[in-house]
């Protein structure tokens, strides 16, 4: 898997799991599924960081998003 794609997927999955965590906590339930998605997102981001030799700078992340969307959108 491309490290840029893994980074974007990890960030998107992590961002989408935040409302699920908040919903579970407000209903006084354990956020089990949300915790699993956070672990998956963290694993994807870690995979991306380890497989790109020079790593990612914070100001580089928006360019990575645009590149990945441009690459995979027809």
C-alpha atoms as a PDB file:
ATOM      1  CA  UNK A   1       0.000   0.000   0.000  1.00  0.00           C
ATOM      2  CA  UNK A   2       1.185   3.485  -0.809  1.00  0.00           C
ATOM      3  CA  UNK A   3       2.308   5.349   2.348  1.00  0.00           C
ATOM      4  CA  UNK A   4       0.489   8.507   1.249  1.00  0.00           C
ATOM      5  CA  UNK A   5      -2.774   6.584   0.860  1.00  0.00           C
ATOM      6  CA  UNK A   6      -2.269   4.930   4.251  1.00  0.00           C
ATOM      7  CA  UNK A   7      -1.717   8.329   5.871  1.00  0.00           C
ATOM      8  CA  UNK A   8      -4.854   9.817   4.332  1.00  0.00           C
ATOM      9  CA  UNK A   9      -6.983   6.784   5.213  1.00  0.00           C
ATOM     10  CA  UNK A  10      -5.660   6.784   8.772  1.00  0.00           C
ATOM     11  CA  UNK A  11      -6.448  10.460   9.280  1.00  0.00           C
ATOM     12  CA  UNK A  12      -9.924  10.154   7.739  1.00  0.00           C
ATOM     13  CA  UNK A  13     -10.827   7.034   9.730  1.00  0.00           C
ATOM     14  CA  UNK A  14      -9.533   8.649  12.918  1.00  0.00           C
ATOM     15  CA  UNK A  15     -11.528  11.821  12.305  1.00  0.00           C
ATOM     16  CA  UNK A  16     -14.711   9.887  11.550  1.00  0.00           C
ATOM     17  CA  UNK A  17     -14.425   7.845  14.745  1.00  0.00           C
ATOM     18  CA  UNK A  18     -14.437  10.908  17.021  1.00  0.00           C
ATOM     19  CA  UNK A  19     -18.242  11.433  16.800  1.00  0.00           C
ATOM     20  CA  UNK A  20     -18.736   7.744  17.533  1.00  0.00           C
ATOM     21  CA  UNK A  21     -16.599   8.007  20.661  1.00  0.00           C
ATOM     22  CA  UNK A  22     -18.485  11.068  21.853  1.00  0.00           C
ATOM     23  CA  UNK A  23     -21.825   9.380  21.198  1.00  0.00           C
ATOM     24  CA  UNK A  24     -20.841   6.296  23.148  1.00  0.00           C
ATOM     25  CA  UNK A  25     -19.573   8.349  26.067  1.00  0.00           C
ATOM     26  CA  UNK A  26     -22.690  10.518  26.176  1.00  0.00           C
ATOM     27  CA  UNK A  27     -24.875   7.381  26.235  1.00  0.00           C
ATOM     28  CA  UNK A  28     -22.663   5.972  29.010  1.00  0.00           C
ATOM     29  CA  UNK A  29     -21.590   3.014  26.902  1.00  0.00           C
ATOM     30  CA  UNK A  30     -18.093   1.685  26.386  1.00  0.00           C
ATOM     31  CA  UNK A  31     -16.723   2.935  23.045  1.00  0.00           C
ATOM     32  CA  UNK A  32     -15.471  -0.500  21.935  1.00  0.00           C
ATOM     33  CA  UNK A  33     -16.022  -0.155  18.185  1.00  0.00           C
ATOM     34  CA  UNK A  34     -14.665   3.380  18.263  1.00  0.00           C
ATOM     35  CA  UNK A  35     -11.561   2.252  20.087  1.00  0.00           C
ATOM     36  CA  UNK A  36     -10.989  -0.387  17.426  1.00  0.00           C
ATOM     37  CA  UNK A  37     -11.282   2.179  14.642  1.00  0.00           C
ATOM     38  CA  UNK A  38      -8.851   4.478  16.456  1.00  0.00           C
ATOM     39  CA  UNK A  39      -6.374   1.579  16.665  1.00  0.00           C
ATOM     40  CA  UNK A  40      -6.791   0.897  12.942  1.00  0.00           C
ATOM     41  CA  UNK A  41      -6.302   4.589  12.140  1.00  0.00           C
ATOM     42  CA  UNK A  42      -3.222   4.768  14.330  1.00  0.00           C
ATOM     43  CA  UNK A  43      -1.810   1.667  12.682  1.00  0.00           C
ATOM     44  CA  UNK A  44      -2.291   3.167   9.233  1.00  0.00           C
ATOM     45  CA  UNK A  45      -0.603   6.422  10.231  1.00  0.00           C
ATOM     46  CA  UNK A  46       2.260   4.495  11.848  1.00  0.00           C
ATOM     47  CA  UNK A  47       2.634   2.341   8.728  1.00  0.00           C
ATOM     48  CA  UNK A  48       2.784   5.468   6.565  1.00  0.00           C
ATOM     49  CA  UNK A  49       5.359   7.123   8.809  1.00  0.00           C
ATOM     50  CA  UNK A  50       7.597   4.046   8.843  1.00  0.00           C
ATOM     51  CA  UNK A  51       7.447   3.393   5.113  1.00  0.00           C
ATOM     52  CA  UNK A  52       8.274   6.905   3.944  1.00  0.00           C
ATOM     53  CA  UNK A  53      12.030   7.366   4.428  1.00  0.00           C
ATOM     54  CA  UNK A  54      12.033  11.136   5.025  1.00  0.00           C
ATOM     55  CA  UNK A  55       8.767  11.110   6.996  1.00  0.00           C
ATOM     56  CA  UNK A  56       5.990  13.693   6.865  1.00  0.00           C
ATOM     57  CA  UNK A  57       6.138  17.338   7.855  1.00  0.00           C
ATOM     58  CA  UNK A  58       2.971  18.929   9.205  1.00  0.00           C
ATOM     59  CA  UNK A  59       2.808  21.489   6.396  1.00  0.00           C
ATOM     60  CA  UNK A  60       3.133  18.657   3.860  1.00  0.00           C
ATOM     61  CA  UNK A  61      -0.075  16.835   4.911  1.00  0.00           C
ATOM     62  CA  UNK A  62      -2.562  19.007   2.917  1.00  0.00           C
ATOM     63  CA  UNK A  63      -0.492  18.429  -0.243  1.00  0.00           C
ATOM     64  CA  UNK A  64      -0.557  14.693   0.425  1.00  0.00           C
ATOM     65  CA  UNK A  65      -4.369  14.820   0.720  1.00  0.00           C
ATOM     66  CA  UNK A  66      -4.672  16.647  -2.602  1.00  0.00           C
ATOM     67  CA  UNK A  67      -2.250  14.269  -4.324  1.00  0.00           C
ATOM     68  CA  UNK A  68      -4.091  11.184  -3.092  1.00  0.00           C
ATOM     69  CA  UNK A  69      -7.509  12.547  -4.085  1.00  0.00           C
ATOM     70  CA  UNK A  70      -6.197  13.567  -7.509  1.00  0.00           C
ATOM     71  CA  UNK A  71      -4.621  10.155  -7.999  1.00  0.00           C
ATOM     72  CA  UNK A  72      -7.672   8.070  -7.114  1.00  0.00           C
ATOM     73  CA  UNK A  73     -10.532  10.246  -8.374  1.00  0.00           C
ATOM     74  CA  UNK A  74     -11.354   9.841 -12.074  1.00  0.00           C
END
